[in-house]
Structure formats: C-alpha cells, structure tokens
Amino acid sequence: MLKHRGFPGRLSGTDFQFTLRRANPKGATELVSRERHRDRRPADRRADSAFMLALWELFGEEEFERGNLDAGRLSWLFGREVVAVEDPFDAESYQMLLKIDVNRARAAFPEAFVEASDP
C-alpha cells in the first residue's frame, strides 16, 4: 500500500480520518459511491471539503493511486468528484488509479478551490 506523504492524517481538531496507518491484511475496504444528502451535519461537510482540498493540493489534475487514503472518506466523493481511471475498476485494491473530476469538484466544493488558489 502506497503511503501518500504530506497528506493530512485527519481533519485537525476532529476524529475525521483521512488516511490509514497500515494496510488491512484481508485487503482494502471496498470503495462505494455514498449519497450526500442536504441535511448532513456541518462537521461532515467541512470534512468533505477539507479532504477535497487536500486531494487537490497534493494531486491536482493528475492521476493518483488510492494507497492509504481512507475508504470511508473517499467514498463520499467517489463516483462524482473523484472517479476511477481504470476500467474495469477494482474497488477493493490499494493500487487502483483515481482522478479528480475538476468540473464536478469545483461545483460541489467551491470553497476548497478558492482556498487552494489564494496566494
């Protein structure tokens, strides 16, 4: 499992996890596309936005390996703002390649892209 150096381990001041410390010996947790409802808690929305900002700052428009990114947090973005590069996609692999769908990510998280572009 690739460890993304420089990626935050969690949202500062919370228990919202962004990365894993070690690989699961049984294999990676499956990525699924989770529905985000309008009535989600503000803390959950902040975590999604911070995670997207961290992805953007580290990878930008480049493809990236899933590696040690937390499946739970990634699943809130998967299938919309973060898409699979390879077809067929193995949702239970640490090595699969992903990419940010920039247009959808900017529409869903404009605050993350404003912060990323500030000098």
C-alpha atoms as a PDB file:
ATOM      1  CA  MET A   1       0.000   0.000   0.000  1.00  0.00           C
ATOM      2  CA  LEU A   2       1.395   3.344  -1.099  1.00  0.00           C
ATOM      3  CA  LYS A   3       1.527   5.933   1.683  1.00  0.00           C
ATOM      4  CA  HIS A   4       0.870   9.449   0.445  1.00  0.00           C
ATOM      5  CA  ARG A   5       3.483  11.519   2.246  1.00  0.00           C
ATOM      6  CA  GLY A   6       2.346  15.035   3.072  1.00  0.00           C
ATOM      7  CA  PHE A   7      -1.356  14.138   3.065  1.00  0.00           C
ATOM      8  CA  PRO A   8      -3.072  15.052   6.371  1.00  0.00           C
ATOM      9  CA  GLY A   9      -3.970  12.049   8.536  1.00  0.00           C
ATOM     10  CA  ARG A  10      -7.212  13.612   9.754  1.00  0.00           C
ATOM     11  CA  LEU A  11      -9.169  16.825   9.892  1.00  0.00           C
ATOM     12  CA  SER A  12      -7.443  18.944  12.503  1.00  0.00           C
ATOM     13  CA  GLY A  13      -9.282  19.042  15.824  1.00  0.00           C
ATOM     14  CA  THR A  14     -11.663  16.196  14.917  1.00  0.00           C
ATOM     15  CA  ASP A  15     -11.797  12.416  14.630  1.00  0.00           C
ATOM     16  CA  PHE A  16     -12.484  12.518  10.877  1.00  0.00           C
ATOM     17  CA  GLN A  17      -9.825  10.194   9.466  1.00  0.00           C
ATOM     18  CA  PHE A  18      -8.247  10.857   6.052  1.00  0.00           C
ATOM     19  CA  THR A  19      -5.540   8.153   5.833  1.00  0.00           C
ATOM     20  CA  LEU A  20      -4.755   4.663   7.104  1.00  0.00           C
ATOM     21  CA  ARG A  21      -1.666   3.763   9.092  1.00  0.00           C
ATOM     22  CA  ARG A  22      -1.313   0.249   7.725  1.00  0.00           C
ATOM     23  CA  ALA A  23      -2.868  -1.989   5.107  1.00  0.00           C
ATOM     24  CA  ASN A  24      -5.643  -4.354   6.089  1.00  0.00           C
ATOM     25  CA  PRO A  25      -4.268  -7.916   5.753  1.00  0.00           C
ATOM     26  CA  LYS A  26      -7.660  -9.048   4.389  1.00  0.00           C
ATOM     27  CA  GLY A  27      -7.499  -6.436   1.612  1.00  0.00           C
ATOM     28  CA  ALA A  28      -8.677  -2.897   1.045  1.00  0.00           C
ATOM     29  CA  THR A  29     -12.138  -1.799   2.098  1.00  0.00           C
ATOM     30  CA  GLU A  30     -14.381  -1.534  -0.946  1.00  0.00           C
ATOM     31  CA  LEU A  31     -14.982   1.933  -2.368  1.00  0.00           C
ATOM     32  CA  VAL A  32     -18.666   2.675  -2.879  1.00  0.00           C
ATOM     33  CA  SER A  33     -20.394   5.812  -4.030  1.00  0.00           C
ATOM     34  CA  ARG A  34     -22.205   7.237  -0.982  1.00  0.00           C
ATOM     35  CA  GLU A  35     -25.094   9.644  -1.400  1.00  0.00           C
ATOM     36  CA  ARG A  36     -24.567  13.049   0.241  1.00  0.00           C
ATOM     37  CA  HIS A  37     -27.850  14.472   1.493  1.00  0.00           C
ATOM     38  CA  ARG A  38     -28.564  18.178   2.030  1.00  0.00           C
ATOM     39  CA  ASP A  39     -29.184  17.666   5.747  1.00  0.00           C
ATOM     40  CA  ARG A  40     -25.669  16.349   6.522  1.00  0.00           C
ATOM     41  CA  ARG A  41     -24.069  17.818   9.609  1.00  0.00           C
ATOM     42  CA  PRO A  42     -21.846  20.870   9.069  1.00  0.00           C
ATOM     43  CA  ALA A  43     -18.881  18.966  10.511  1.00  0.00           C
ATOM     44  CA  ASP A  44     -19.301  16.238   7.877  1.00  0.00           C
ATOM     45  CA  ARG A  45     -19.444  18.851   5.123  1.00  0.00           C
ATOM     46  CA  ARG A  46     -16.276  20.524   6.468  1.00  0.00           C
ATOM     47  CA  ALA A  47     -14.512  17.147   6.475  1.00  0.00           C
ATOM     48  CA  ASP A  48     -15.519  16.508   2.847  1.00  0.00           C
ATOM     49  CA  SER A  49     -14.329  19.958   1.823  1.00  0.00           C
ATOM     50  CA  ALA A  50     -11.005  19.614   3.686  1.00  0.00           C
ATOM     51  CA  PHE A  51     -10.437  16.170   2.153  1.00  0.00           C
ATOM     52  CA  MET A  52     -11.101  17.532  -1.336  1.00  0.00           C
ATOM     53  CA  LEU A  53      -8.736  20.450  -0.688  1.00  0.00           C
ATOM     54  CA  ALA A  54      -6.006  18.030   0.444  1.00  0.00           C
ATOM     55  CA  LEU A  55      -6.528  15.867  -2.660  1.00  0.00           C
ATOM     56  CA  TRP A  56      -6.363  18.922  -4.912  1.00  0.00           C
ATOM     57  CA  GLU A  57      -3.235  20.320  -3.262  1.00  0.00           C
ATOM     58  CA  LEU A  58      -1.365  17.014  -3.456  1.00  0.00           C
ATOM     59  CA  PHE A  59      -2.543  15.651  -6.828  1.00  0.00           C
ATOM     60  CA  GLY A  60      -4.238  18.430  -8.797  1.00  0.00           C
ATOM     61  CA  GLU A  61      -5.462  17.100 -12.137  1.00  0.00           C
ATOM     62  CA  GLU A  62      -3.009  14.176 -12.108  1.00  0.00           C
ATOM     63  CA  GLU A  63      -3.991  10.545 -11.645  1.00  0.00           C
ATOM     64  CA  PHE A  64      -3.214   9.102  -8.214  1.00  0.00           C
ATOM     65  CA  GLU A  65      -3.102   5.708  -6.568  1.00  0.00           C
ATOM     66  CA  ARG A  66      -5.683   5.011  -3.869  1.00  0.00           C
ATOM     67  CA  GLY A  67      -2.950   3.877  -1.476  1.00  0.00           C
ATOM     68  CA  ASN A  68      -3.546   4.750   2.163  1.00  0.00           C
ATOM     69  CA  LEU A  69      -6.500   7.102   1.585  1.00  0.00           C
ATOM     70  CA  ASP A  70      -9.394   6.250   3.901  1.00  0.00           C
ATOM     71  CA  ALA A  71     -12.135   4.333   2.055  1.00  0.00           C
ATOM     72  CA  GLY A  72     -14.907   5.824   4.187  1.00  0.00           C
ATOM     73  CA  ARG A  73     -13.929   9.426   3.473  1.00  0.00           C
ATOM     74  CA  LEU A  74     -13.099   8.703  -0.173  1.00  0.00           C
ATOM     75  CA  SER A  75     -16.483   7.006  -0.681  1.00  0.00           C
ATOM     76  CA  TRP A  76     -18.279  10.319  -0.005  1.00  0.00           C
ATOM     77  CA  LEU A  77     -16.585  11.699  -3.146  1.00  0.00           C
ATOM     78  CA  PHE A  78     -16.201   8.544  -5.254  1.00  0.00           C
ATOM     79  CA  GLY A  79     -18.191   8.365  -8.466  1.00  0.00           C
ATOM     80  CA  ARG A  80     -18.734  12.126  -8.588  1.00  0.00           C
ATOM     81  CA  GLU A  81     -15.781  14.383  -7.703  1.00  0.00           C
ATOM     82  CA  VAL A  82     -13.266  11.509  -7.662  1.00  0.00           C
ATOM     83  CA  VAL A  83     -13.541   8.983 -10.488  1.00  0.00           C
ATOM     84  CA  ALA A  84     -11.847   5.740 -11.456  1.00  0.00           C
ATOM     85  CA  VAL A  85      -9.238   5.953 -14.197  1.00  0.00           C
ATOM     86  CA  GLU A  86      -9.010   2.254 -14.999  1.00  0.00           C
ATOM     87  CA  ASP A  87     -11.728   0.071 -16.469  1.00  0.00           C
ATOM     88  CA  PRO A  88     -12.525  -2.391 -15.037  1.00  0.00           C
ATOM     89  CA  PHE A  89     -12.134  -0.786 -11.631  1.00  0.00           C
ATOM     90  CA  ASP A  90     -11.264  -2.994  -8.652  1.00  0.00           C
ATOM     91  CA  ALA A  91     -12.940  -1.224  -5.724  1.00  0.00           C
ATOM     92  CA  GLU A  92     -11.005  -3.386  -3.251  1.00  0.00           C
ATOM     93  CA  SER A  93      -7.473  -2.600  -4.450  1.00  0.00           C
ATOM     94  CA  TYR A  94      -4.985  -0.203  -2.892  1.00  0.00           C
ATOM     95  CA  GLN A  95      -3.253   0.127  -6.311  1.00  0.00           C
ATOM     96  CA  MET A  96      -6.166   1.369  -8.409  1.00  0.00           C
ATOM     97  CA  LEU A  97      -5.832   4.764 -10.041  1.00  0.00           C
ATOM     98  CA  LEU A  98      -8.217   7.628  -9.362  1.00  0.00           C
ATOM     99  CA  LYS A  99      -8.542  11.178 -10.643  1.00  0.00           C
ATOM    100  CA  ILE A 100     -10.361  14.339  -9.583  1.00  0.00           C
ATOM    101  CA  ASP A 101     -13.179  15.366 -11.934  1.00  0.00           C
ATOM    102  CA  VAL A 102     -12.237  19.037 -11.713  1.00  0.00           C
ATOM    103  CA  ASN A 103     -15.506  20.495 -13.030  1.00  0.00           C
ATOM    104  CA  ARG A 104     -17.672  18.484 -10.649  1.00  0.00           C
ATOM    105  CA  ALA A 105     -15.307  19.110  -7.732  1.00  0.00           C
ATOM    106  CA  ARG A 106     -15.320  22.886  -8.298  1.00  0.00           C
ATOM    107  CA  ALA A 107     -19.122  22.866  -8.437  1.00  0.00           C
ATOM    108  CA  ALA A 108     -19.509  20.772  -5.277  1.00  0.00           C
ATOM    109  CA  PHE A 109     -16.687  22.346  -3.223  1.00  0.00           C
ATOM    110  CA  PRO A 110     -16.086  25.908  -4.453  1.00  0.00           C
ATOM    111  CA  GLU A 111     -14.654  26.881  -1.050  1.00  0.00           C
ATOM    112  CA  ALA A 112     -11.899  24.251  -1.352  1.00  0.00           C
ATOM    113  CA  PHE A 113     -10.771  25.619  -4.709  1.00  0.00           C
ATOM    114  CA  VAL A 114     -10.894  29.231  -3.501  1.00  0.00           C
ATOM    115  CA  GLU A 115      -8.600  28.297  -0.592  1.00  0.00           C
ATOM    116  CA  ALA A 116      -6.277  26.415  -2.952  1.00  0.00           C
ATOM    117  CA  SER A 117      -5.912  29.421  -5.268  1.00  0.00           C
ATOM    118  CA  ASP A 118      -5.317  32.029  -2.531  1.00  0.00           C
ATOM    119  CA  PRO A 119      -1.738  33.319  -2.507  1.00  0.00           C
END
